[in-house]
Amino acid sequence: MRLDQVEIAEPGRSEVLVRTEYSGISGGTEMLAYRGEIDPRLPLDETIGALEGTFAYPFPYGYSCVGRVERGTLEGERVFAFHPHQDLFVAPERDVLPLGAIDARVATLFPLVETALQVTLEAGAGLGGVAAVIGLGPVGTLCAALLERTGAVVVGSDPDPARREAAEAFGVASTSPRQLHHGVDRASAGRGADLLVEASGDPAALAEGLELLAHEGTALVCSWYGTKPVSLPLGGAFHRRRLTIRSTQVSTIPRALQGRWSRERRRAEALRLLEDLPLKVLATHDFPFDEAPRAYEALDHGEPGLMHAALRYG
């Protein structure tokens, strides 16, 4: 990756000029892009106006900027914007979210909270349902915490003790992958999990996780594997137990939920959760903007204790 200078236009009517304080780095999609594990012909994101073009290098990326409005009707306010990493940018006023007193560093977790909320809405585990969450990075931990709030019995799993400790700060019971089967058996009285949320980014974890599911259980795939091949055991056990594998994605609201949820309602709820959840536990690392390559290297190499990284401006 590299840092480039870009020219920005003067803000027009109904636009704001924002000076960035922090921008969050996605440990999922951004790291796939960083490693070249996304089809370069794929559009960046048709639902975000600031992300134009495809994943063919070079391209600006990122979608979690927090900063102060320097010009426009929201002048002086701290806002969130789905915008690539950039120290100064112009955005339509309708596309920024006023944050009030929410901490700027914590606010960079907004897209991850919104993603976890979407997963929870689609999961349908409900009161007394048993859910296994594989991968306790920020999204997995947030999914587990929100599923707990629905009344589900949640067992989280990650090989990293630091991630399990962070999840437990959210009230989520967690275990190592080696002990996950035992944890699910104990939580479900041997019946198996009603729901599996795969949030590790590892295709092998999905294949292994199918064994945890009860009869007619559902695997909800939160991970995006990019171009990595995925091999699944879809033989007799899969068919006879009537298992379901579904994807979940935050860019759209699924049809079944559109009568009750809109993007506006979901974002309002995610903003409320920013104030309600102990998110500082996840906001572990920030790096000066001009040291962005070091931030990506730290994520790529799995720096000890790193849960969520952000770039710091100024």
Protein backbone atom coordinates (compact mmCIF):
# COMPACT_ATOMS: atom_id res chain seq x y z
CA MET A 1 0.00 0.00 0.00
CA ARG A 2 1.05 3.65 -0.35
CA LEU A 3 -0.01 7.14 0.70
CA ASP A 4 -1.04 9.52 -2.09
CA GLN A 5 -2.10 13.14 -2.25
CA VAL A 6 -5.48 13.92 -3.79
CA GLU A 7 -7.25 17.16 -4.63
CA ILE A 8 -10.65 17.81 -3.11
CA ALA A 9 -13.31 20.12 -4.45
CA GLU A 10 -14.91 22.94 -2.51
CA PRO A 11 -18.00 21.66 -0.66
CA GLY A 12 -21.20 22.53 -2.49
CA ARG A 13 -24.68 23.07 -1.19
CA SER A 14 -25.75 20.23 1.16
CA GLU A 15 -22.14 19.04 1.44
CA VAL A 16 -19.71 19.14 4.36
CA LEU A 17 -15.93 19.36 4.63
CA VAL A 18 -14.65 16.95 7.26
CA ARG A 19 -11.22 16.83 8.89
CA THR A 20 -10.59 13.26 10.01
CA GLU A 21 -9.58 12.40 13.57
CA TYR A 22 -9.50 8.59 13.23
CA SER A 23 -10.30 6.03 10.56
CA GLY A 24 -10.82 2.38 11.41
CA ILE A 25 -9.22 -0.48 9.49
CA SER A 26 -11.37 -3.49 8.73
CA GLY A 27 -9.65 -6.72 9.74
CA GLY A 28 -11.85 -8.59 7.25
CA THR A 29 -12.47 -6.98 3.88
CA GLU A 30 -9.51 -4.60 4.03
CA MET A 31 -7.09 -7.35 4.87
CA LEU A 32 -8.39 -9.46 1.98
CA ALA A 33 -7.74 -6.47 -0.29
CA TYR A 34 -4.32 -5.88 1.28
CA ARG A 35 -3.35 -9.51 0.61
CA GLY A 36 -4.73 -9.48 -2.94
CA GLU A 37 -7.40 -12.06 -2.07
CA ILE A 38 -10.33 -10.31 -3.77
CA ASP A 39 -11.25 -10.61 -7.45
CA PRO A 40 -9.91 -7.33 -8.94
CA ARG A 41 -13.00 -7.08 -11.19
CA LEU A 42 -15.34 -6.85 -8.20
CA PRO A 43 -16.86 -3.38 -7.52
CA LEU A 44 -15.64 -1.85 -4.25
CA ASP A 45 -19.17 -1.29 -2.91
CA GLU A 46 -22.12 -0.06 -4.96
CA THR A 47 -23.99 1.02 -1.80
CA ILE A 48 -21.33 3.52 -0.64
CA GLY A 49 -21.00 6.61 -2.83
CA ALA A 50 -17.39 7.30 -1.80
CA LEU A 51 -16.25 3.85 -2.97
CA GLU A 52 -16.11 3.89 -6.76
CA GLY A 53 -14.30 1.54 -9.10
CA THR A 54 -13.10 -2.01 -8.50
CA PHE A 55 -10.57 -3.89 -6.39
CA ALA A 56 -7.96 -3.54 -9.17
CA TYR A 57 -4.84 -1.81 -7.78
CA PRO A 58 -4.38 1.01 -7.07
CA PHE A 59 -7.61 2.07 -5.37
CA PRO A 60 -8.55 4.12 -2.27
CA TYR A 61 -10.32 2.08 0.37
CA GLY A 62 -11.68 2.14 3.91
CA TYR A 63 -15.15 2.92 5.19
CA SER A 64 -14.87 4.18 8.75
CA CYS A 65 -13.87 7.84 9.08
CA VAL A 66 -14.61 9.96 12.16
CA GLY A 67 -13.89 13.67 12.22
CA ARG A 68 -15.05 17.25 12.73
CA VAL A 69 -17.02 19.22 10.16
CA GLU A 70 -15.00 22.30 9.18
CA ARG A 71 -17.49 23.71 6.69
CA GLY A 72 -21.19 23.14 6.14
CA THR A 73 -24.40 23.22 8.15
CA LEU A 74 -22.96 20.76 10.71
CA GLU A 75 -19.85 22.88 11.30
CA GLY A 76 -18.07 21.94 14.51
CA GLU A 77 -19.88 18.63 14.95
CA ARG A 78 -18.16 15.27 15.15
CA VAL A 79 -19.49 12.93 12.48
CA PHE A 80 -19.02 9.44 11.10
CA ALA A 81 -18.70 8.82 7.35
CA PHE A 82 -18.32 5.74 5.16
CA HIS A 83 -15.26 7.13 3.40
CA PRO A 84 -11.76 5.86 2.47
CA HIS A 85 -8.82 6.72 4.72
CA GLN A 86 -8.19 10.42 4.07
CA ASP A 87 -7.26 13.34 6.30
CA LEU A 88 -9.68 15.80 4.69
CA PHE A 89 -12.70 15.01 2.53
CA VAL A 90 -16.01 16.33 1.22
CA ALA A 91 -19.20 14.31 1.65
CA PRO A 92 -22.93 14.87 1.16
CA GLU A 93 -24.49 16.00 4.44
CA ARG A 94 -27.08 13.19 4.16
CA ASP A 95 -24.26 10.61 4.20
CA VAL A 96 -22.66 11.61 7.52
CA LEU A 97 -23.91 10.60 10.95
CA PRO A 98 -23.66 13.14 13.81
CA LEU A 99 -22.08 11.46 16.84
CA GLY A 100 -22.74 13.89 19.66
CA ALA A 101 -20.50 13.05 22.63
CA ILE A 102 -19.46 9.59 21.40
CA ASP A 103 -15.69 9.06 21.65
CA ALA A 104 -13.99 9.45 18.26
CA ARG A 105 -11.85 6.31 18.54
CA VAL A 106 -14.80 4.20 19.69
CA ALA A 107 -16.91 5.57 16.82
CA THR A 108 -14.56 3.95 14.27
CA LEU A 109 -16.15 0.66 15.36
CA PHE A 110 -19.55 1.77 14.03
CA PRO A 111 -19.46 -0.39 10.85
CA LEU A 112 -18.56 -3.46 12.92
CA VAL A 113 -21.38 -2.82 15.38
CA GLU A 114 -23.81 -2.37 12.48
CA THR A 115 -22.57 -5.62 10.90
CA ALA A 116 -22.98 -7.54 14.17
CA LEU A 117 -26.47 -6.08 14.59
CA GLN A 118 -27.40 -7.27 11.10
CA VAL A 119 -26.09 -10.76 11.86
CA THR A 120 -28.12 -10.84 15.07
CA LEU A 121 -31.30 -9.75 13.29
CA GLU A 122 -30.86 -12.53 10.73
CA ALA A 123 -29.81 -15.19 13.23
CA GLY A 124 -33.16 -15.73 14.91
CA ALA A 125 -31.61 -17.79 17.72
CA GLY A 126 -34.00 -16.34 20.28
CA LEU A 127 -34.64 -17.13 23.91
CA GLY A 128 -32.99 -20.37 24.97
CA GLY A 129 -31.45 -21.11 21.58
CA VAL A 130 -27.85 -22.30 21.61
CA ALA A 131 -25.44 -20.36 19.39
CA ALA A 132 -21.79 -21.16 18.70
CA VAL A 133 -19.67 -18.23 17.48
CA ILE A 134 -16.38 -19.16 15.83
CA GLY A 135 -13.84 -16.33 15.68
CA LEU A 136 -13.78 -13.71 18.44
CA GLY A 137 -12.33 -10.80 16.57
CA PRO A 138 -14.33 -7.56 16.91
CA VAL A 139 -17.24 -8.70 14.72
CA GLY A 140 -17.45 -12.16 16.27
CA THR A 141 -17.31 -10.75 19.79
CA LEU A 142 -20.01 -8.19 19.00
CA CYS A 143 -22.21 -10.86 17.39
CA ALA A 144 -21.85 -13.04 20.47
CA ALA A 145 -22.65 -10.14 22.81
CA LEU A 146 -25.77 -9.12 20.87
CA LEU A 147 -26.98 -12.71 20.57
CA GLU A 148 -26.70 -12.95 24.36
CA ARG A 149 -29.02 -9.96 24.59
CA THR A 150 -31.68 -11.80 22.59
CA GLY A 151 -31.73 -14.53 25.21
CA ALA A 152 -29.59 -17.05 23.33
CA VAL A 153 -27.07 -19.24 25.14
CA VAL A 154 -23.79 -18.35 23.43
CA VAL A 155 -20.51 -20.26 23.35
CA GLY A 156 -17.67 -18.36 21.67
CA SER A 157 -14.41 -19.81 20.42
CA ASP A 158 -11.03 -18.46 19.38
CA PRO A 159 -7.47 -19.84 19.61
CA ASP A 160 -6.18 -16.49 20.97
CA PRO A 161 -6.52 -16.21 24.78
CA ALA A 162 -6.47 -12.38 24.54
CA ARG A 163 -9.50 -12.45 22.25
CA ARG A 164 -11.33 -14.83 24.56
CA GLU A 165 -10.57 -12.47 27.46
CA ALA A 166 -11.95 -9.51 25.49
CA ALA A 167 -15.13 -11.43 24.69
CA GLU A 168 -15.61 -12.25 28.35
CA ALA A 169 -15.55 -8.51 29.10
CA PHE A 170 -18.78 -8.43 27.05
CA GLY A 171 -20.24 -11.24 29.15
CA VAL A 172 -19.61 -13.92 26.51
CA ALA A 173 -18.56 -17.40 27.64
CA SER A 174 -15.66 -18.53 25.48
CA THR A 175 -13.37 -21.49 24.99
CA SER A 176 -10.54 -22.72 22.77
CA PRO A 177 -11.43 -24.43 19.47
CA ARG A 178 -10.28 -27.73 20.99
CA GLN A 179 -12.90 -27.42 23.73
CA LEU A 180 -15.71 -25.93 21.63
CA HIS A 181 -17.53 -29.21 20.97
CA HIS A 182 -17.59 -29.94 24.69
CA GLY A 183 -18.84 -26.42 25.44
CA VAL A 184 -21.69 -26.74 22.93
CA ASP A 185 -22.63 -30.19 24.25
CA ARG A 186 -22.78 -28.83 27.78
CA ALA A 187 -24.82 -25.76 26.78
CA SER A 188 -27.29 -27.81 24.71
CA ALA A 189 -27.48 -30.97 26.87
CA GLY A 190 -25.88 -32.88 24.00
CA ARG A 191 -28.40 -31.73 21.36
CA GLY A 192 -26.02 -29.47 19.43
CA ALA A 193 -26.14 -25.79 18.49
CA ASP A 194 -29.21 -24.30 16.85
CA LEU A 195 -27.01 -21.67 15.23
CA LEU A 196 -23.40 -21.40 14.13
CA VAL A 197 -21.96 -17.96 13.35
CA GLU A 198 -18.70 -18.28 11.42
CA ALA A 199 -16.70 -15.07 11.88
CA SER A 200 -13.11 -16.29 11.81
CA GLY A 201 -12.35 -15.72 8.12
CA ASP A 202 -11.02 -19.30 7.93
CA PRO A 203 -12.89 -21.58 5.48
CA ALA A 204 -11.78 -24.65 7.46
CA ALA A 205 -13.62 -23.31 10.51
CA LEU A 206 -16.94 -23.46 8.66
CA ALA A 207 -16.35 -27.05 7.60
CA GLU A 208 -15.49 -28.09 11.15
CA GLY A 209 -18.30 -26.01 12.64
CA LEU A 210 -21.04 -27.88 10.78
CA GLU A 211 -20.41 -30.80 13.15
CA LEU A 212 -21.59 -28.62 16.05
CA LEU A 213 -25.08 -28.10 14.67
CA ALA A 214 -28.23 -29.79 15.92
CA HIS A 215 -30.77 -31.35 13.56
CA GLU A 216 -32.05 -28.61 11.22
CA GLY A 217 -29.43 -26.20 12.58
CA THR A 218 -28.24 -23.17 10.62
CA ALA A 219 -24.73 -21.96 9.83
CA LEU A 220 -24.68 -18.20 9.28
CA VAL A 221 -21.53 -17.20 7.40
CA CYS A 222 -20.39 -13.76 8.52
CA SER A 223 -16.88 -14.20 7.07
CA TRP A 224 -15.97 -13.16 3.55
CA TYR A 225 -13.33 -15.58 2.28
CA GLY A 226 -12.46 -13.64 -0.86
CA THR A 227 -10.74 -15.87 -3.41
CA LYS A 228 -9.76 -18.52 -0.85
CA PRO A 229 -11.25 -21.92 -1.83
CA VAL A 230 -13.84 -23.41 0.52
CA SER A 231 -14.26 -27.17 0.89
CA LEU A 232 -17.31 -28.38 2.84
CA PRO A 233 -18.45 -31.85 4.01
CA LEU A 234 -21.86 -31.96 2.33
CA GLY A 235 -22.36 -35.72 2.47
CA GLY A 236 -24.81 -37.89 4.36
CA ALA A 237 -24.63 -36.12 7.73
CA PHE A 238 -25.31 -32.73 6.13
CA HIS A 239 -28.36 -34.01 4.25
CA ARG A 240 -29.83 -36.27 6.90
CA ARG A 241 -29.60 -33.56 9.56
CA ARG A 242 -31.23 -31.02 7.19
CA LEU A 243 -28.59 -28.38 7.85
CA THR A 244 -28.76 -24.91 6.32
CA ILE A 245 -25.86 -22.66 5.29
CA ARG A 246 -26.69 -18.97 4.75
CA SER A 247 -24.65 -15.87 4.07
CA THR A 248 -25.22 -12.56 5.85
CA GLN A 249 -24.20 -9.13 4.57
CA VAL A 250 -24.64 -5.64 5.94
CA SER A 251 -24.96 -3.76 2.63
CA THR A 252 -28.64 -4.64 2.27
CA ILE A 253 -31.63 -5.45 4.47
CA PRO A 254 -32.98 -8.94 3.65
CA ARG A 255 -36.54 -9.07 2.36
CA ALA A 256 -37.87 -10.88 5.43
CA LEU A 257 -36.81 -7.95 7.66
CA GLN A 258 -37.77 -5.03 5.43
CA GLY A 259 -41.21 -4.65 6.98
CA ARG A 260 -39.64 -3.79 10.35
CA TRP A 261 -36.10 -2.62 9.61
CA SER A 262 -34.61 0.01 7.33
CA ARG A 263 -31.02 1.15 6.97
CA GLU A 264 -31.96 4.30 8.91
CA ARG A 265 -33.45 2.36 11.82
CA ARG A 266 -30.51 -0.05 11.88
CA ARG A 267 -27.98 2.81 11.94
CA ALA A 268 -29.86 4.56 14.72
CA GLU A 269 -29.75 1.38 16.79
CA ALA A 270 -26.04 0.88 16.02
CA LEU A 271 -25.33 4.44 17.22
CA ARG A 272 -27.17 3.67 20.47
CA LEU A 273 -25.07 0.53 20.89
CA LEU A 274 -21.87 2.60 20.48
CA GLU A 275 -22.74 4.23 23.79
CA ASP A 276 -24.06 1.09 25.45
CA LEU A 277 -21.38 -1.54 24.74
CA PRO A 278 -17.87 -1.64 26.34
CA LEU A 279 -16.20 -0.98 22.99
CA LYS A 280 -12.97 0.47 24.38
CA VAL A 281 -11.98 -3.14 25.10
CA LEU A 282 -11.83 -3.69 21.33
CA ALA A 283 -10.16 -0.37 20.39
CA THR A 284 -6.68 -1.67 21.17
CA HIS A 285 -4.30 -0.05 18.66
CA ASP A 286 -3.99 3.19 16.72
CA PHE A 287 -1.19 4.32 14.41
CA PRO A 288 -0.25 7.75 12.99
CA PHE A 289 -1.74 8.22 9.54
CA ASP A 290 1.68 8.58 7.95
CA GLU A 291 2.59 5.16 9.38
CA ALA A 292 -0.38 3.42 7.75
CA PRO A 293 1.82 0.68 6.19
CA ARG A 294 2.92 -0.33 9.70
CA ALA A 295 -0.71 -0.59 10.80
CA TYR A 296 -1.53 -2.96 7.95
CA GLU A 297 1.57 -5.03 8.64
CA ALA A 298 0.55 -5.35 12.30
CA LEU A 299 -2.88 -6.62 11.29
CA ASP A 300 -1.47 -8.93 8.65
CA HIS A 301 1.04 -10.51 11.03
CA GLY A 302 -1.40 -10.73 13.94
CA GLU A 303 0.37 -8.44 16.41
CA PRO A 304 -0.27 -9.77 19.93
CA GLY A 305 -3.26 -8.19 21.62
CA LEU A 306 -4.47 -6.39 18.50
CA MET A 307 -8.26 -6.48 18.20
CA HIS A 308 -9.05 -3.38 16.15
CA ALA A 309 -6.62 -0.93 14.56
CA ALA A 310 -7.25 2.67 13.52
CA LEU A 311 -5.28 5.41 11.86
CA ARG A 312 -4.80 8.57 13.96
CA TYR A 313 -4.74 12.00 12.27
CA GLY A 314 -3.15 15.12 13.74
